[in-house]
Amino acid sequence: MKLAVVGPGAFGIKHLDGLKNIDGVDVVALVGRTLAKTQAVADQYGIPRVCASLEEALAMDDVDAVILCTPTQQHASQAIQCMQAGKHVQVEIPLADSWADSLAVVDAQKATGQVCMVGHTRRFNPSHQYVHNKIVAGELNIQQMDVQTYFFRRKNINAKGEPRSWTDHLLWHHAAHTVDLFAYQAGSPVVQCNAVQGPIHPELGIAMDMSIQLKAANGAICTLSLSFNNDGPLGTFFRYICDNGTYIARYDDLVNGKEEPIDVSQVDVSMNGIELQDREFVAAIREGREPNSSVGQVLACYETLAKLEEQLG
């Protein structure tokens, strides 16, 4: 299978690191706006071609699928463009930054029949898979999830500390991880949601702090705190409070409520959530099936985000 990766930034590189571990997969093109930077990354990973535009990559007959690691504002239109060009596509989270655009991607997937997957990585992290497997087996039921998503981004920089040309968003990007994961783990749709936000940053034009409450149809609740102002431990920390135990997930690592480590090394074939996400994308294409985290499966998350945005005004 031959893939094109669009975006040689922090997350593009994470995908390249994962893809190199998957048998029978070749990245044949890397797309980036700055050719010198793109070429340097392509040389590092042995990618034969670099392109300055998505259109150039889509015109290549030997490209079967595309992974989009581009600015949020381009996700929906580029995902539609890929599918209409006859390519399977995985678009990094978030799918879109509006409800209308989210629906448009779903419509394009239905019309083309292409595999369209969204990078909701938390579904694939071994830590969250461990908890999910227990829930599916009937050993656990979630009572509450308490989640903290904390970064220090008072300037417009990416995960590598480099200047970024677009603005990230706590609601449409970072909250999307938890809104989707909560419904997925609870096994029940979100039926109630509330949000408040702090002051708007004078230069970035976004709220730097946000608090969200969710309730699922089965009664489970979720409290999510998000900040770009946190000068301390960075990342997202998930506390699962269940009827039969407490678990704390930190990306691919898991501990119980007493901070005792839980071995999740045998949960899947890798400890890298991004790699596992990419493996699912490739497997779904090969097997002609809907992937976990397909655009259809995650659509409800974006409906909830739209409702929260309406509340925030």
Protein backbone atom coordinates (compact mmCIF):
# COMPACT_ATOMS: atom_id res chain seq x y z
CA MET A 1 0.00 0.00 0.00
CA LYS A 2 1.35 3.40 -0.97
CA LEU A 3 0.59 6.46 1.13
CA ALA A 4 1.09 10.20 0.95
CA VAL A 5 1.53 12.12 4.19
CA VAL A 6 0.52 15.78 4.11
CA GLY A 7 2.31 17.97 6.64
CA PRO A 8 5.93 17.41 7.76
CA GLY A 9 5.38 18.98 11.19
CA ALA A 10 5.22 17.45 14.66
CA PHE A 11 2.30 15.10 13.98
CA GLY A 12 3.34 14.25 10.45
CA ILE A 13 6.58 12.95 11.92
CA LYS A 14 4.68 10.94 14.55
CA HIS A 15 2.79 9.22 11.74
CA LEU A 16 5.97 8.58 9.76
CA ASP A 17 7.47 6.94 12.85
CA GLY A 18 4.42 4.69 13.16
CA LEU A 19 4.08 3.84 9.47
CA LYS A 20 7.65 2.59 9.18
CA ASN A 21 6.70 -0.28 11.54
CA ILE A 22 3.78 -1.51 9.41
CA ASP A 23 4.56 -4.27 6.91
CA GLY A 24 3.67 -3.66 3.28
CA VAL A 25 3.26 0.10 3.64
CA ASP A 26 5.37 2.63 1.77
CA VAL A 27 5.18 6.40 2.11
CA VAL A 28 5.81 7.51 -1.46
CA ALA A 29 5.16 11.25 -1.13
CA LEU A 30 5.46 13.93 1.54
CA VAL A 31 3.58 17.19 1.07
CA GLY A 32 4.60 20.48 2.67
CA ARG A 33 4.45 24.19 1.94
CA THR A 34 8.17 24.74 2.64
CA LEU A 35 10.06 22.51 0.24
CA ALA A 36 13.41 22.69 2.04
CA LYS A 37 11.89 21.56 5.35
CA THR A 38 9.77 18.93 3.60
CA GLN A 39 12.77 17.59 1.68
CA ALA A 40 14.80 17.31 4.89
CA VAL A 41 12.10 15.19 6.53
CA ALA A 42 11.66 13.13 3.34
CA ASP A 43 15.40 12.43 3.26
CA GLN A 44 15.35 11.34 6.90
CA TYR A 45 12.56 8.81 6.25
CA GLY A 46 13.59 7.72 2.75
CA ILE A 47 10.51 9.17 1.06
CA PRO A 48 11.17 9.43 -2.71
CA ARG A 49 9.00 12.41 -3.61
CA VAL A 50 8.11 15.78 -2.09
CA CYS A 51 5.20 17.94 -3.21
CA ALA A 52 4.27 21.54 -2.56
CA SER A 53 0.52 20.88 -2.82
CA LEU A 54 -2.07 18.24 -2.00
CA GLU A 55 -3.29 18.40 -5.61
CA GLU A 56 0.11 17.21 -6.82
CA ALA A 57 0.01 14.17 -4.54
CA LEU A 58 -3.58 13.32 -5.46
CA ALA A 59 -2.62 13.27 -9.13
CA MET A 60 -0.19 10.40 -8.49
CA ASP A 61 -1.67 7.11 -9.72
CA ASP A 62 0.33 5.05 -7.23
CA VAL A 63 -1.01 6.84 -4.12
CA ASP A 64 -3.68 4.65 -2.50
CA ALA A 65 -4.35 6.68 0.64
CA VAL A 66 -3.54 9.97 2.32
CA ILE A 67 -2.89 10.99 5.92
CA LEU A 68 -3.66 14.66 6.57
CA CYS A 69 -1.59 16.38 9.27
CA THR A 70 -2.48 19.92 8.24
CA PRO A 71 -4.00 22.95 10.02
CA THR A 72 -7.43 22.33 11.52
CA GLN A 73 -9.11 24.81 9.21
CA GLN A 74 -8.12 22.71 6.17
CA HIS A 75 -9.14 19.29 7.47
CA ALA A 76 -12.69 19.05 6.14
CA SER A 77 -12.07 20.46 2.67
CA GLN A 78 -8.92 18.41 2.17
CA ALA A 79 -10.57 15.18 3.38
CA ILE A 80 -13.37 15.73 0.86
CA GLN A 81 -10.81 16.53 -1.85
CA CYS A 82 -8.97 13.25 -1.17
CA MET A 83 -12.10 11.11 -1.29
CA GLN A 84 -13.35 12.78 -4.47
CA ALA A 85 -9.95 12.00 -6.03
CA GLY A 86 -10.50 8.31 -5.26
CA LYS A 87 -8.12 8.15 -2.27
CA HIS A 88 -8.77 6.73 1.18
CA VAL A 89 -8.04 9.33 3.85
CA GLN A 90 -7.14 9.59 7.50
CA VAL A 91 -7.52 13.14 8.80
CA GLU A 92 -5.89 14.14 12.05
CA ILE A 93 -8.11 15.29 14.87
CA PRO A 94 -10.23 17.38 14.68
CA LEU A 95 -12.34 16.40 11.70
CA ALA A 96 -13.48 20.00 11.33
CA ASP A 97 -14.11 23.16 13.32
CA SER A 98 -17.81 23.43 12.52
CA TRP A 99 -20.86 21.18 12.44
CA ALA A 100 -21.62 22.01 8.81
CA ASP A 101 -18.14 20.99 7.69
CA SER A 102 -18.34 17.79 9.74
CA LEU A 103 -21.57 16.81 7.99
CA ALA A 104 -20.04 17.63 4.59
CA VAL A 105 -17.22 15.13 5.18
CA VAL A 106 -19.71 12.41 6.17
CA ASP A 107 -21.72 13.12 3.03
CA ALA A 108 -18.57 12.84 0.88
CA GLN A 109 -17.66 9.52 2.50
CA LYS A 110 -21.12 8.12 1.81
CA ALA A 111 -21.03 9.35 -1.78
CA THR A 112 -17.56 8.00 -2.59
CA GLY A 113 -17.42 4.87 -0.43
CA GLN A 114 -13.80 5.60 0.48
CA VAL A 115 -12.41 4.81 3.92
CA CYS A 116 -12.41 8.03 5.94
CA MET A 117 -10.95 7.80 9.43
CA VAL A 118 -10.36 10.54 12.00
CA GLY A 119 -7.33 10.55 14.29
CA HIS A 120 -9.09 10.07 17.62
CA THR A 121 -5.93 8.54 19.09
CA ARG A 122 -7.33 7.94 22.56
CA ARG A 123 -9.39 5.04 21.21
CA PHE A 124 -6.08 3.35 20.32
CA ASN A 125 -3.74 4.18 23.21
CA PRO A 126 -3.03 0.89 25.05
CA SER A 127 -4.00 2.54 28.35
CA HIS A 128 -7.50 3.37 27.13
CA GLN A 129 -7.80 0.08 25.25
CA TYR A 130 -7.14 -1.73 28.54
CA VAL A 131 -10.04 0.06 30.21
CA HIS A 132 -12.26 -0.39 27.14
CA ASN A 133 -11.63 -4.14 27.05
CA LYS A 134 -12.72 -4.42 30.69
CA ILE A 135 -15.87 -2.43 29.96
CA VAL A 136 -16.75 -4.60 26.95
CA ALA A 137 -16.12 -7.73 29.03
CA GLY A 138 -18.62 -6.50 31.62
CA GLU A 139 -16.01 -6.05 34.36
CA LEU A 140 -16.32 -2.25 34.65
CA ASN A 141 -18.84 0.53 34.27
CA ILE A 142 -17.81 4.18 34.25
CA GLN A 143 -19.37 6.37 36.91
CA GLN A 144 -17.30 9.46 36.16
CA MET A 145 -14.37 10.55 34.04
CA ASP A 146 -12.29 13.45 35.34
CA VAL A 147 -9.99 14.80 32.65
CA GLN A 148 -7.36 17.54 32.61
CA THR A 149 -5.95 18.81 29.30
CA TYR A 150 -3.17 21.27 30.13
CA PHE A 151 -0.64 23.07 27.93
CA PHE A 152 1.43 26.23 28.10
CA ARG A 153 0.76 28.00 24.80
CA ARG A 154 0.56 31.72 25.32
CA LYS A 155 2.26 32.08 21.95
CA ASN A 156 1.23 30.42 18.71
CA ILE A 157 3.62 27.45 18.63
CA ASN A 158 3.26 23.76 17.81
CA ALA A 159 4.11 20.63 19.80
CA LYS A 160 7.78 21.00 18.78
CA GLY A 161 7.94 24.59 20.05
CA GLU A 162 8.01 26.02 16.51
CA PRO A 163 5.97 29.03 15.33
CA ARG A 164 2.63 28.03 13.82
CA SER A 165 0.74 29.78 11.03
CA TRP A 166 -2.71 28.84 12.37
CA THR A 167 -4.41 28.96 15.76
CA ASP A 168 -5.16 25.84 17.78
CA HIS A 169 -8.44 25.60 19.71
CA LEU A 170 -9.31 24.12 23.09
CA LEU A 171 -12.88 23.22 22.11
CA TRP A 172 -12.68 21.93 18.54
CA HIS A 173 -9.32 20.17 18.93
CA HIS A 174 -8.43 19.30 22.50
CA ALA A 175 -11.93 18.77 23.87
CA ALA A 176 -12.73 16.56 20.87
CA HIS A 177 -10.42 13.86 22.26
CA THR A 178 -12.33 13.63 25.54
CA VAL A 179 -15.87 14.18 24.22
CA ASP A 180 -15.43 11.26 21.83
CA LEU A 181 -13.59 9.04 24.32
CA PHE A 182 -16.21 9.56 27.03
CA ALA A 183 -19.09 8.38 24.83
CA TYR A 184 -16.94 5.55 23.43
CA GLN A 185 -15.94 4.27 26.88
CA ALA A 186 -19.34 4.82 28.47
CA GLY A 187 -20.94 3.00 25.54
CA SER A 188 -23.67 5.59 25.66
CA PRO A 189 -24.33 8.86 23.79
CA VAL A 190 -23.87 12.30 25.34
CA VAL A 191 -27.30 13.70 26.21
CA GLN A 192 -26.33 16.76 28.26
CA CYS A 193 -23.41 19.17 27.92
CA ASN A 194 -22.38 22.44 29.53
CA ALA A 195 -19.39 24.75 29.04
CA VAL A 196 -17.87 27.95 30.38
CA GLN A 197 -14.69 29.65 29.24
CA GLY A 198 -12.20 32.17 30.55
CA PRO A 199 -10.99 35.44 29.01
CA ILE A 200 -10.21 35.66 25.28
CA HIS A 201 -6.50 36.08 24.51
CA PRO A 202 -5.99 39.57 23.02
CA GLU A 203 -3.67 38.37 20.24
CA LEU A 204 -4.68 34.75 19.59
CA GLY A 205 -8.41 35.50 19.74
CA ILE A 206 -9.25 32.28 21.60
CA ALA A 207 -10.19 31.34 25.15
CA MET A 208 -7.17 30.06 27.05
CA ASP A 209 -9.18 28.23 29.73
CA MET A 210 -12.34 26.17 29.51
CA SER A 211 -14.48 23.87 31.66
CA ILE A 212 -16.87 21.30 30.19
CA GLN A 213 -19.43 18.94 31.76
CA LEU A 214 -20.94 15.94 29.98
CA LYS A 215 -23.60 13.39 30.86
CA ALA A 216 -24.27 10.17 28.98
CA ALA A 217 -27.66 8.54 28.52
CA ASN A 218 -26.68 5.75 30.92
CA GLY A 219 -25.96 8.26 33.72
CA ALA A 220 -22.16 8.42 33.51
CA ILE A 221 -20.70 11.92 33.82
CA CYS A 222 -17.50 13.62 32.71
CA THR A 223 -15.72 16.75 33.95
CA LEU A 224 -13.14 18.22 31.58
CA SER A 225 -10.78 21.09 32.40
CA LEU A 226 -8.67 22.59 29.61
CA SER A 227 -5.97 25.27 29.66
CA PHE A 228 -3.32 26.87 27.49
CA ASN A 229 -2.13 28.79 30.59
CA ASN A 230 -0.77 25.88 32.61
CA ASP A 231 2.93 26.28 33.37
CA GLY A 232 3.43 22.82 34.83
CA PRO A 233 3.06 19.18 33.82
CA LEU A 234 1.77 19.20 30.25
CA GLY A 235 -0.58 16.82 28.49
CA THR A 236 -3.90 15.14 29.16
CA PHE A 237 -4.62 13.05 32.22
CA PHE A 238 -7.71 10.83 32.40
CA ARG A 239 -9.14 9.52 35.67
CA TYR A 240 -11.68 6.73 35.22
CA ILE A 241 -13.84 6.38 38.33
CA CYS A 242 -15.67 3.08 37.88
CA ASP A 243 -17.94 0.79 39.83
CA ASN A 244 -15.08 -1.69 40.12
CA GLY A 245 -11.84 0.26 40.36
CA THR A 246 -10.18 3.56 39.50
CA TYR A 247 -7.69 4.01 36.66
CA ILE A 248 -5.53 6.94 35.60
CA ALA A 249 -4.37 7.05 31.98
CA ARG A 250 -1.53 9.25 30.77
CA TYR A 251 -1.27 8.70 27.01
CA ASP A 252 0.05 5.14 26.61
CA ASP A 253 0.65 4.57 30.35
CA LEU A 254 -1.84 3.43 32.98
CA VAL A 255 -1.90 3.26 36.79
CA ASN A 256 -4.63 2.38 39.25
CA GLY A 257 -6.10 4.76 41.81
CA LYS A 258 -3.17 4.09 44.14
CA GLU A 259 -0.69 5.10 41.40
CA GLU A 260 0.45 1.47 41.00
CA PRO A 261 1.56 0.83 37.39
CA ILE A 262 -0.50 -1.52 35.23
CA ASP A 263 1.28 -3.45 32.50
CA VAL A 264 -0.44 -2.64 29.18
CA SER A 265 2.41 -3.91 26.98
CA GLN A 266 0.37 -6.93 25.85
CA VAL A 267 -2.83 -5.03 25.04
CA ASP A 268 -1.87 -4.60 21.38
CA VAL A 269 1.04 -5.11 19.00
CA SER A 270 2.60 -1.75 19.89
CA MET A 271 2.76 0.70 22.77
CA ASN A 272 2.47 3.64 20.36
CA GLY A 273 -1.08 4.93 20.01
CA ILE A 274 -0.38 6.74 16.73
CA GLU A 275 1.09 3.59 15.21
CA LEU A 276 -1.95 1.58 16.32
CA GLN A 277 -4.20 4.22 14.80
CA ASP A 278 -2.33 3.93 11.50
CA ARG A 279 -2.47 0.14 11.64
CA GLU A 280 -6.25 0.32 11.92
CA PHE A 281 -6.43 2.69 8.92
CA VAL A 282 -4.33 0.35 6.77
CA ALA A 283 -6.20 -2.77 7.94
CA ALA A 284 -9.60 -1.22 7.20
CA ILE A 285 -8.53 -0.38 3.64
CA ARG A 286 -7.10 -3.86 3.06
CA GLU A 287 -10.16 -5.57 4.51
CA GLY A 288 -12.71 -3.27 2.87
CA ARG A 289 -14.40 -2.38 6.16
CA GLU A 290 -15.27 0.61 8.32
CA PRO A 291 -12.40 1.50 10.68
CA ASN A 292 -12.67 2.19 14.37
CA SER A 293 -12.85 6.00 14.60
CA SER A 294 -14.44 6.32 11.17
CA VAL A 295 -15.97 9.67 10.29
CA GLY A 296 -19.39 8.16 10.87
CA GLN A 297 -18.50 6.86 14.32
CA VAL A 298 -17.06 10.16 15.57
CA LEU A 299 -19.71 12.47 14.08
CA ALA A 300 -21.68 12.63 17.35
CA CYS A 301 -18.62 14.14 19.04
CA TYR A 302 -18.69 17.10 16.65
CA GLU A 303 -22.41 17.59 17.17
CA THR A 304 -21.70 17.92 20.90
CA LEU A 305 -18.86 20.38 20.24
CA ALA A 306 -21.21 22.48 18.11
CA LYS A 307 -23.75 22.57 20.97
CA LEU A 308 -21.00 23.64 23.39
CA GLU A 309 -19.82 26.35 20.99
CA GLU A 310 -23.37 27.69 20.81
CA GLN A 311 -23.47 27.93 24.60
CA LEU A 312 -20.15 29.79 24.69
CA GLY A 313 -21.38 32.29 22.13
